[in-house]
N, C-alpha and C. Protein backbone atom coordinates (compact mmCIF):
# COMPACT_ATOMS: atom_id res chain seq x y z
N MET A 1 41.87 -97.91 -20.45
CA MET A 1 40.70 -98.77 -20.45
C MET A 1 39.83 -98.46 -19.23
N LEU A 2 38.83 -99.24 -18.98
CA LEU A 2 37.89 -98.97 -17.89
C LEU A 2 38.35 -99.45 -16.52
N ASN A 3 39.51 -100.12 -16.47
CA ASN A 3 40.05 -100.59 -15.21
C ASN A 3 39.04 -101.49 -14.48
N ILE A 4 38.57 -102.53 -15.18
CA ILE A 4 37.62 -103.46 -14.59
C ILE A 4 38.13 -104.89 -14.83
N SER A 5 38.07 -105.69 -13.79
CA SER A 5 38.55 -107.07 -13.86
C SER A 5 37.54 -107.95 -14.59
N PRO A 6 37.95 -109.12 -15.03
CA PRO A 6 37.00 -110.05 -15.64
C PRO A 6 35.83 -110.39 -14.68
N PHE A 7 36.14 -110.55 -13.40
CA PHE A 7 35.09 -110.81 -12.42
C PHE A 7 34.15 -109.61 -12.32
N GLY A 8 34.72 -108.41 -12.34
CA GLY A 8 33.90 -107.19 -12.33
C GLY A 8 33.03 -107.09 -13.56
N MET A 9 33.55 -107.52 -14.71
CA MET A 9 32.74 -107.53 -15.94
C MET A 9 31.58 -108.51 -15.82
N PHE A 10 31.84 -109.69 -15.27
CA PHE A 10 30.79 -110.68 -15.06
C PHE A 10 29.72 -110.12 -14.13
N HIS A 11 30.14 -109.53 -13.03
CA HIS A 11 29.23 -108.91 -12.06
C HIS A 11 28.38 -107.84 -12.75
N THR A 12 29.00 -107.01 -13.54
CA THR A 12 28.30 -105.93 -14.25
C THR A 12 27.31 -106.50 -15.27
N PHE A 13 27.72 -107.54 -15.98
CA PHE A 13 26.86 -108.16 -16.99
C PHE A 13 25.59 -108.72 -16.34
N ILE A 14 25.73 -109.46 -15.24
CA ILE A 14 24.53 -110.03 -14.62
C ILE A 14 23.66 -108.93 -14.01
N ALA A 15 24.29 -107.85 -13.53
CA ALA A 15 23.51 -106.73 -13.00
C ALA A 15 22.70 -106.07 -14.11
N LEU A 16 23.31 -105.89 -15.27
CA LEU A 16 22.60 -105.26 -16.40
C LEU A 16 21.43 -106.12 -16.86
N ILE A 17 21.63 -107.43 -16.95
CA ILE A 17 20.54 -108.33 -17.35
C ILE A 17 19.44 -108.31 -16.29
N ALA A 18 19.83 -108.24 -15.02
CA ALA A 18 18.84 -108.15 -13.94
C ALA A 18 18.00 -106.89 -14.08
N VAL A 19 18.65 -105.77 -14.27
CA VAL A 19 17.92 -104.49 -14.38
C VAL A 19 16.99 -104.50 -15.59
N ILE A 20 17.46 -104.99 -16.72
CA ILE A 20 16.61 -105.06 -17.91
C ILE A 20 15.40 -105.95 -17.63
N SER A 21 15.63 -107.10 -16.99
CA SER A 21 14.53 -108.01 -16.65
C SER A 21 13.55 -107.35 -15.68
N GLY A 22 14.08 -106.65 -14.70
CA GLY A 22 13.23 -105.95 -13.73
C GLY A 22 12.38 -104.88 -14.38
N LEU A 23 12.98 -104.13 -15.28
CA LEU A 23 12.22 -103.08 -15.98
C LEU A 23 11.14 -103.69 -16.88
N ILE A 24 11.47 -104.80 -17.54
CA ILE A 24 10.46 -105.48 -18.36
C ILE A 24 9.30 -105.92 -17.49
N ALA A 25 9.59 -106.55 -16.35
CA ALA A 25 8.53 -107.00 -15.44
C ALA A 25 7.71 -105.81 -14.95
N LEU A 26 8.38 -104.75 -14.57
CA LEU A 26 7.71 -103.58 -14.03
C LEU A 26 6.78 -102.95 -15.06
N PHE A 27 7.24 -102.78 -16.28
CA PHE A 27 6.41 -102.13 -17.29
C PHE A 27 5.37 -103.06 -17.89
N ARG A 28 5.66 -104.34 -17.95
CA ARG A 28 4.70 -105.28 -18.53
C ARG A 28 3.60 -105.65 -17.53
N TYR A 29 3.98 -105.87 -16.27
CA TYR A 29 3.03 -106.38 -15.28
C TYR A 29 2.70 -105.38 -14.17
N GLY A 30 3.38 -104.25 -14.14
CA GLY A 30 3.13 -103.25 -13.12
C GLY A 30 3.84 -103.53 -11.81
N GLU A 31 4.59 -104.63 -11.76
CA GLU A 31 5.33 -105.00 -10.56
C GLU A 31 6.35 -106.06 -10.90
N ILE A 32 7.28 -106.25 -9.97
CA ILE A 32 8.27 -107.31 -10.10
C ILE A 32 7.87 -108.41 -9.14
N GLY A 33 7.89 -109.63 -9.60
CA GLY A 33 7.56 -110.77 -8.74
C GLY A 33 8.04 -112.04 -9.38
N THR A 34 8.20 -113.08 -8.59
CA THR A 34 8.76 -114.32 -9.11
C THR A 34 7.75 -115.17 -9.88
N ARG A 35 6.51 -114.71 -9.97
CA ARG A 35 5.51 -115.48 -10.71
C ARG A 35 5.58 -115.25 -12.22
N THR A 36 6.37 -114.27 -12.64
CA THR A 36 6.59 -114.04 -14.07
C THR A 36 8.03 -114.39 -14.39
N ARG A 37 8.27 -114.75 -15.63
CA ARG A 37 9.63 -115.13 -16.04
C ARG A 37 10.60 -113.97 -15.86
N SER A 38 10.21 -112.79 -16.33
CA SER A 38 11.11 -111.64 -16.22
C SER A 38 11.33 -111.25 -14.76
N GLY A 39 10.29 -111.33 -13.95
CA GLY A 39 10.43 -111.01 -12.53
C GLY A 39 11.32 -111.99 -11.79
N ALA A 40 11.14 -113.29 -12.07
CA ALA A 40 11.97 -114.31 -11.43
C ALA A 40 13.44 -114.15 -11.86
N LEU A 41 13.65 -113.87 -13.14
CA LEU A 41 15.01 -113.65 -13.63
C LEU A 41 15.63 -112.45 -12.92
N TYR A 42 14.84 -111.39 -12.77
CA TYR A 42 15.33 -110.21 -12.05
C TYR A 42 15.76 -110.58 -10.62
N VAL A 43 14.88 -111.27 -9.90
CA VAL A 43 15.17 -111.58 -8.50
C VAL A 43 16.44 -112.42 -8.38
N TRP A 44 16.54 -113.49 -9.15
CA TRP A 44 17.69 -114.38 -9.00
C TRP A 44 18.98 -113.75 -9.51
N LEU A 45 18.90 -112.95 -10.56
CA LEU A 45 20.12 -112.27 -11.01
C LEU A 45 20.52 -111.15 -10.07
N THR A 46 19.55 -110.55 -9.39
CA THR A 46 19.89 -109.54 -8.38
C THR A 46 20.56 -110.21 -7.19
N VAL A 47 20.09 -111.38 -6.81
CA VAL A 47 20.77 -112.15 -5.75
C VAL A 47 22.22 -112.42 -6.17
N ALA A 48 22.40 -112.89 -7.41
CA ALA A 48 23.74 -113.17 -7.91
C ALA A 48 24.61 -111.91 -7.95
N THR A 49 24.00 -110.80 -8.34
CA THR A 49 24.73 -109.53 -8.38
C THR A 49 25.19 -109.12 -6.99
N ALA A 50 24.30 -109.22 -6.01
CA ALA A 50 24.65 -108.84 -4.64
C ALA A 50 25.74 -109.76 -4.09
N ILE A 51 25.62 -111.05 -4.34
CA ILE A 51 26.62 -111.98 -3.82
C ILE A 51 27.97 -111.74 -4.49
N THR A 52 28.00 -111.59 -5.80
CA THR A 52 29.29 -111.33 -6.46
C THR A 52 29.87 -109.99 -6.03
N GLY A 53 29.00 -109.02 -5.75
CA GLY A 53 29.47 -107.72 -5.28
C GLY A 53 30.20 -107.79 -3.95
N LEU A 54 29.88 -108.79 -3.15
CA LEU A 54 30.55 -108.95 -1.86
C LEU A 54 32.02 -109.34 -2.02
N PHE A 55 32.40 -109.79 -3.22
CA PHE A 55 33.78 -110.22 -3.46
C PHE A 55 34.59 -109.20 -4.26
N ILE A 56 34.04 -108.02 -4.45
CA ILE A 56 34.74 -106.96 -5.19
C ILE A 56 35.24 -105.93 -4.18
N PHE A 57 36.55 -105.68 -4.24
CA PHE A 57 37.18 -104.76 -3.28
C PHE A 57 37.99 -103.71 -4.02
N ARG A 58 37.38 -103.04 -4.99
CA ARG A 58 38.07 -102.03 -5.81
C ARG A 58 38.58 -100.87 -4.96
N HIS A 59 37.82 -100.51 -3.93
CA HIS A 59 38.16 -99.34 -3.11
C HIS A 59 38.78 -99.75 -1.77
N GLY A 60 39.42 -100.90 -1.72
CA GLY A 60 40.03 -101.35 -0.48
C GLY A 60 39.22 -102.47 0.15
N GLY A 61 38.91 -102.32 1.42
CA GLY A 61 38.21 -103.37 2.16
C GLY A 61 36.70 -103.24 2.10
N PHE A 62 36.07 -103.81 3.11
CA PHE A 62 34.62 -103.80 3.24
C PHE A 62 34.15 -102.36 3.35
N GLY A 63 33.11 -102.01 2.57
CA GLY A 63 32.64 -100.63 2.59
C GLY A 63 31.18 -100.50 2.22
N PRO A 64 30.74 -99.29 1.92
CA PRO A 64 29.34 -99.03 1.59
C PRO A 64 28.76 -99.92 0.49
N PRO A 65 29.51 -100.25 -0.57
CA PRO A 65 28.92 -101.14 -1.58
C PRO A 65 28.59 -102.52 -1.02
N HIS A 66 29.39 -102.99 -0.07
CA HIS A 66 29.14 -104.29 0.54
C HIS A 66 27.92 -104.24 1.46
N ILE A 67 27.77 -103.12 2.15
CA ILE A 67 26.59 -102.93 2.99
C ILE A 67 25.34 -102.91 2.12
N LEU A 68 25.42 -102.23 0.97
CA LEU A 68 24.29 -102.19 0.04
C LEU A 68 23.97 -103.59 -0.48
N ALA A 69 24.98 -104.39 -0.76
CA ALA A 69 24.75 -105.77 -1.23
C ALA A 69 24.04 -106.59 -0.15
N ILE A 70 24.45 -106.46 1.09
CA ILE A 70 23.81 -107.18 2.19
C ILE A 70 22.38 -106.68 2.38
N LEU A 71 22.18 -105.37 2.32
CA LEU A 71 20.84 -104.80 2.43
C LEU A 71 19.94 -105.29 1.29
N THR A 72 20.50 -105.37 0.10
CA THR A 72 19.75 -105.88 -1.06
C THR A 72 19.29 -107.32 -0.81
N LEU A 73 20.20 -108.15 -0.32
CA LEU A 73 19.84 -109.54 -0.03
C LEU A 73 18.76 -109.62 1.05
N LEU A 74 18.86 -108.78 2.06
CA LEU A 74 17.87 -108.76 3.14
C LEU A 74 16.50 -108.33 2.60
N VAL A 75 16.46 -107.26 1.81
CA VAL A 75 15.18 -106.78 1.25
C VAL A 75 14.60 -107.83 0.30
N LEU A 76 15.44 -108.46 -0.50
CA LEU A 76 14.95 -109.52 -1.39
C LEU A 76 14.36 -110.68 -0.60
N ALA A 77 15.01 -111.06 0.49
CA ALA A 77 14.50 -112.17 1.32
C ALA A 77 13.15 -111.81 1.92
N ILE A 78 13.01 -110.59 2.40
CA ILE A 78 11.74 -110.14 2.98
C ILE A 78 10.66 -110.10 1.90
N ALA A 79 10.98 -109.55 0.74
CA ALA A 79 10.01 -109.47 -0.36
C ALA A 79 9.60 -110.86 -0.83
N TYR A 80 10.57 -111.75 -0.93
CA TYR A 80 10.29 -113.12 -1.38
C TYR A 80 9.38 -113.84 -0.37
N ALA A 81 9.70 -113.70 0.92
CA ALA A 81 8.86 -114.33 1.95
C ALA A 81 7.46 -113.73 1.93
N ALA A 82 7.37 -112.43 1.77
CA ALA A 82 6.06 -111.77 1.72
C ALA A 82 5.28 -112.22 0.50
N GLU A 83 5.96 -112.40 -0.61
CA GLU A 83 5.29 -112.86 -1.83
C GLU A 83 4.73 -114.27 -1.63
N ARG A 84 5.44 -115.10 -0.90
CA ARG A 84 5.00 -116.48 -0.66
C ARG A 84 3.89 -116.56 0.39
N TYR A 85 3.82 -115.55 1.26
CA TYR A 85 2.82 -115.54 2.32
C TYR A 85 1.61 -114.75 1.83
N SER A 86 0.52 -115.43 1.65
CA SER A 86 -0.65 -114.75 1.09
C SER A 86 -1.73 -114.46 2.12
N GLY A 87 -1.43 -114.63 3.40
CA GLY A 87 -2.45 -114.47 4.43
C GLY A 87 -2.72 -113.04 4.86
N SER A 88 -1.91 -112.09 4.43
CA SER A 88 -2.08 -110.72 4.91
C SER A 88 -1.97 -109.73 3.75
N GLY A 89 -2.76 -108.67 3.80
CA GLY A 89 -2.68 -107.62 2.79
C GLY A 89 -1.35 -106.90 2.82
N VAL A 90 -0.76 -106.80 4.00
CA VAL A 90 0.53 -106.11 4.15
C VAL A 90 1.61 -106.86 3.38
N ALA A 91 1.52 -108.17 3.32
CA ALA A 91 2.53 -108.97 2.63
C ALA A 91 2.63 -108.58 1.16
N ARG A 92 1.52 -108.33 0.54
CA ARG A 92 1.52 -107.94 -0.88
C ARG A 92 2.29 -106.64 -1.09
N TYR A 93 2.04 -105.66 -0.21
CA TYR A 93 2.75 -104.39 -0.29
C TYR A 93 4.25 -104.58 -0.06
N LEU A 94 4.61 -105.39 0.93
CA LEU A 94 6.03 -105.65 1.21
C LEU A 94 6.73 -106.27 0.01
N ALA A 95 6.07 -107.23 -0.62
CA ALA A 95 6.68 -107.89 -1.77
C ALA A 95 6.87 -106.91 -2.93
N VAL A 96 5.81 -106.24 -3.31
CA VAL A 96 5.87 -105.36 -4.48
C VAL A 96 6.83 -104.20 -4.25
N LEU A 97 6.73 -103.55 -3.10
CA LEU A 97 7.59 -102.39 -2.84
C LEU A 97 9.03 -102.80 -2.55
N GLY A 98 9.21 -103.97 -1.94
CA GLY A 98 10.57 -104.46 -1.67
C GLY A 98 11.33 -104.76 -2.95
N TYR A 99 10.69 -105.51 -3.86
CA TYR A 99 11.36 -105.81 -5.13
C TYR A 99 11.69 -104.52 -5.89
N SER A 100 10.76 -103.57 -5.90
CA SER A 100 11.01 -102.31 -6.60
C SER A 100 12.14 -101.52 -5.94
N LEU A 101 12.22 -101.59 -4.62
CA LEU A 101 13.30 -100.90 -3.92
C LEU A 101 14.66 -101.44 -4.34
N THR A 102 14.75 -102.75 -4.54
CA THR A 102 16.04 -103.30 -4.96
C THR A 102 16.41 -102.86 -6.37
N LEU A 103 15.43 -102.54 -7.18
CA LEU A 103 15.73 -101.98 -8.50
C LEU A 103 16.40 -100.61 -8.33
N PHE A 104 15.91 -99.82 -7.38
CA PHE A 104 16.57 -98.55 -7.06
C PHE A 104 17.99 -98.80 -6.55
N PHE A 105 18.16 -99.84 -5.72
CA PHE A 105 19.49 -100.16 -5.20
C PHE A 105 20.50 -100.40 -6.32
N HIS A 106 20.06 -101.00 -7.43
CA HIS A 106 20.96 -101.21 -8.57
C HIS A 106 21.49 -99.89 -9.10
N LEU A 107 20.67 -98.85 -9.02
CA LEU A 107 21.03 -97.54 -9.57
C LEU A 107 22.27 -96.96 -8.89
N ILE A 108 22.39 -97.15 -7.59
CA ILE A 108 23.46 -96.49 -6.83
C ILE A 108 24.85 -96.93 -7.31
N PRO A 109 25.19 -98.21 -7.25
CA PRO A 109 26.53 -98.58 -7.74
C PRO A 109 26.63 -98.45 -9.26
N GLY A 110 25.52 -98.61 -9.95
CA GLY A 110 25.55 -98.47 -11.41
C GLY A 110 25.99 -97.08 -11.82
N LEU A 111 25.36 -96.07 -11.23
CA LEU A 111 25.76 -94.68 -11.53
C LEU A 111 27.16 -94.38 -11.02
N THR A 112 27.45 -94.83 -9.81
CA THR A 112 28.75 -94.52 -9.20
C THR A 112 29.89 -95.12 -10.00
N GLU A 113 29.80 -96.41 -10.28
CA GLU A 113 30.91 -97.07 -10.98
C GLU A 113 31.04 -96.60 -12.44
N THR A 114 29.91 -96.42 -13.10
CA THR A 114 29.98 -95.94 -14.49
C THR A 114 30.47 -94.50 -14.53
N GLY A 115 29.90 -93.67 -13.68
CA GLY A 115 30.23 -92.25 -13.70
C GLY A 115 31.63 -91.91 -13.24
N THR A 116 32.28 -92.80 -12.48
CA THR A 116 33.67 -92.55 -12.07
C THR A 116 34.67 -93.18 -13.04
N ARG A 117 34.17 -93.84 -14.09
CA ARG A 117 35.05 -94.46 -15.08
C ARG A 117 34.87 -93.89 -16.49
N VAL A 118 33.68 -93.35 -16.76
CA VAL A 118 33.32 -92.93 -18.12
C VAL A 118 32.98 -91.45 -18.12
N PRO A 119 33.37 -90.69 -19.12
CA PRO A 119 34.25 -91.06 -20.22
C PRO A 119 35.68 -91.31 -19.73
N ILE A 120 36.35 -92.19 -20.43
CA ILE A 120 37.71 -92.57 -20.06
C ILE A 120 38.60 -91.33 -20.10
N GLY A 121 39.33 -91.12 -19.02
CA GLY A 121 40.23 -89.99 -18.94
C GLY A 121 39.61 -88.74 -18.34
N ASP A 122 38.30 -88.63 -18.39
CA ASP A 122 37.60 -87.47 -17.84
C ASP A 122 36.22 -87.91 -17.32
N PRO A 123 36.22 -88.74 -16.26
CA PRO A 123 34.95 -89.29 -15.78
C PRO A 123 33.94 -88.22 -15.37
N ALA A 124 32.67 -88.58 -15.48
CA ALA A 124 31.58 -87.66 -15.17
C ALA A 124 31.57 -87.24 -13.71
N PHE A 125 31.96 -88.15 -12.80
CA PHE A 125 31.94 -87.86 -11.36
C PHE A 125 33.33 -88.03 -10.77
N THR A 126 33.63 -87.22 -9.76
CA THR A 126 34.93 -87.29 -9.11
C THR A 126 35.01 -88.46 -8.14
N GLY A 127 33.87 -88.93 -7.68
CA GLY A 127 33.83 -90.04 -6.72
C GLY A 127 32.44 -90.16 -6.13
N PRO A 128 32.28 -91.06 -5.16
CA PRO A 128 30.96 -91.29 -4.57
C PRO A 128 30.35 -90.06 -3.89
N GLU A 129 31.15 -89.11 -3.53
CA GLU A 129 30.65 -87.91 -2.84
C GLU A 129 30.35 -86.76 -3.80
N ASP A 130 30.52 -86.97 -5.08
CA ASP A 130 30.29 -85.92 -6.07
C ASP A 130 28.84 -85.40 -5.96
N PRO A 131 28.64 -84.10 -5.87
CA PRO A 131 27.29 -83.55 -5.72
C PRO A 131 26.34 -83.90 -6.87
N THR A 132 26.86 -83.96 -8.08
CA THR A 132 26.00 -84.33 -9.22
C THR A 132 25.53 -85.77 -9.09
N LEU A 133 26.41 -86.65 -8.68
CA LEU A 133 26.05 -88.05 -8.46
C LEU A 133 25.00 -88.16 -7.37
N LYS A 134 25.20 -87.45 -6.28
CA LYS A 134 24.22 -87.48 -5.19
C LYS A 134 22.86 -86.96 -5.66
N ALA A 135 22.87 -85.93 -6.49
CA ALA A 135 21.61 -85.39 -7.02
C ALA A 135 20.92 -86.41 -7.91
N LEU A 136 21.68 -87.13 -8.73
CA LEU A 136 21.10 -88.15 -9.60
C LEU A 136 20.53 -89.32 -8.79
N VAL A 137 21.23 -89.73 -7.75
CA VAL A 137 20.72 -90.79 -6.88
C VAL A 137 19.45 -90.30 -6.18
N GLY A 138 19.45 -89.06 -5.74
CA GLY A 138 18.25 -88.48 -5.13
C GLY A 138 17.08 -88.45 -6.11
N ALA A 139 17.35 -88.10 -7.35
CA ALA A 139 16.30 -88.10 -8.38
C ALA A 139 15.80 -89.53 -8.61
N GLY A 140 16.71 -90.49 -8.61
CA GLY A 140 16.32 -91.89 -8.74
C GLY A 140 15.44 -92.35 -7.60
N PHE A 141 15.75 -91.89 -6.39
CA PHE A 141 14.91 -92.25 -5.25
C PHE A 141 13.53 -91.61 -5.37
N PHE A 142 13.48 -90.39 -5.88
CA PHE A 142 12.19 -89.74 -6.11
C PHE A 142 11.36 -90.54 -7.12
N VAL A 143 12.00 -91.00 -8.19
CA VAL A 143 11.31 -91.83 -9.18
C VAL A 143 10.79 -93.10 -8.51
N TYR A 144 11.61 -93.71 -7.64
CA TYR A 144 11.15 -94.90 -6.90
C TYR A 144 9.90 -94.56 -6.07
N LEU A 145 9.92 -93.43 -5.36
CA LEU A 145 8.77 -93.05 -4.52
C LEU A 145 7.51 -92.85 -5.36
N VAL A 146 7.65 -92.21 -6.51
CA VAL A 146 6.50 -92.02 -7.40
C VAL A 146 5.99 -93.38 -7.89
N GLY A 147 6.92 -94.23 -8.31
CA GLY A 147 6.54 -95.57 -8.76
C GLY A 147 5.90 -96.37 -7.64
N ALA A 148 6.41 -96.24 -6.42
CA ALA A 148 5.84 -96.94 -5.27
C ALA A 148 4.41 -96.47 -5.02
N ALA A 149 4.17 -95.17 -5.14
CA ALA A 149 2.82 -94.64 -4.95
C ALA A 149 1.87 -95.20 -6.01
N VAL A 150 2.35 -95.29 -7.25
CA VAL A 150 1.54 -95.87 -8.32
C VAL A 150 1.24 -97.34 -8.02
N GLN A 151 2.24 -98.07 -7.55
CA GLN A 151 2.04 -99.48 -7.24
C GLN A 151 1.06 -99.67 -6.07
N VAL A 152 1.17 -98.84 -5.05
CA VAL A 152 0.24 -98.91 -3.92
C VAL A 152 -1.18 -98.64 -4.40
N ALA A 153 -1.35 -97.62 -5.21
CA ALA A 153 -2.68 -97.30 -5.74
C ALA A 153 -3.22 -98.46 -6.58
N ARG A 154 -2.36 -99.08 -7.36
CA ARG A 154 -2.77 -100.22 -8.18
C ARG A 154 -3.21 -101.40 -7.32
N ILE A 155 -2.47 -101.69 -6.25
CA ILE A 155 -2.84 -102.78 -5.34
C ILE A 155 -4.17 -102.47 -4.67
N ARG A 156 -4.33 -101.25 -4.18
CA ARG A 156 -5.59 -100.86 -3.53
C ARG A 156 -6.77 -100.97 -4.49
N ARG A 157 -6.57 -100.51 -5.72
CA ARG A 157 -7.63 -100.58 -6.72
C ARG A 157 -8.00 -102.03 -7.00
N SER A 158 -7.02 -102.91 -7.13
CA SER A 158 -7.31 -104.32 -7.42
C SER A 158 -8.00 -104.98 -6.23
N ARG A 159 -7.68 -104.56 -5.01
CA ARG A 159 -8.35 -105.11 -3.81
C ARG A 159 -9.82 -104.64 -3.76
N ARG A 160 -10.04 -103.37 -4.09
CA ARG A 160 -11.41 -102.86 -4.09
C ARG A 160 -12.26 -103.58 -5.13
N LEU A 161 -11.68 -103.81 -6.30
CA LEU A 161 -12.40 -104.54 -7.36
C LEU A 161 -12.71 -105.96 -6.94
N ALA A 162 -11.77 -106.61 -6.24
CA ALA A 162 -11.97 -107.98 -5.80
C ALA A 162 -13.07 -108.06 -4.74
N ILE A 163 -13.15 -107.06 -3.87
CA ILE A 163 -14.15 -107.04 -2.82
C ILE A 163 -15.54 -106.78 -3.40
N SER A 164 -15.62 -105.91 -4.40
CA SER A 164 -16.94 -105.53 -4.94
C SER A 164 -17.52 -106.59 -5.87
N THR A 165 -16.72 -107.55 -6.31
CA THR A 165 -17.27 -108.57 -7.22
C THR A 165 -17.68 -109.83 -6.49
């Protein structure tokens, strides 16, 4: 079997729903934010995913996945505060890019845990240090950077339109 506990299944389930909600928000609205239903669902389920991840110790004690969970919570807190603070143009960028960055963060353990378990008996990756896995995470980060550039251009364009009207 996949060697996953019921708690691990719950954690994975909420992470998958979070990612789907985040992608819906991103493609429907061009950004993730708590002002839309899908964006708010993404944010709160990502918080739940990060918190539940802190209680999973499949590889022993505290390690890189736990650091990523804490970093995710920190980035979400910054993005959420920036989204609530409307007094500065920088805040908008922090919110939009921060939420999108956490979507990339989901990719890292998602690929690692799936790829080291599936296919059963002959997993795709040998472990977190597998070169193919690292290349895929690198490609995911490149996609994030391209998406971030698109989001920055979109924010700038909307600011220019607001100023000219």
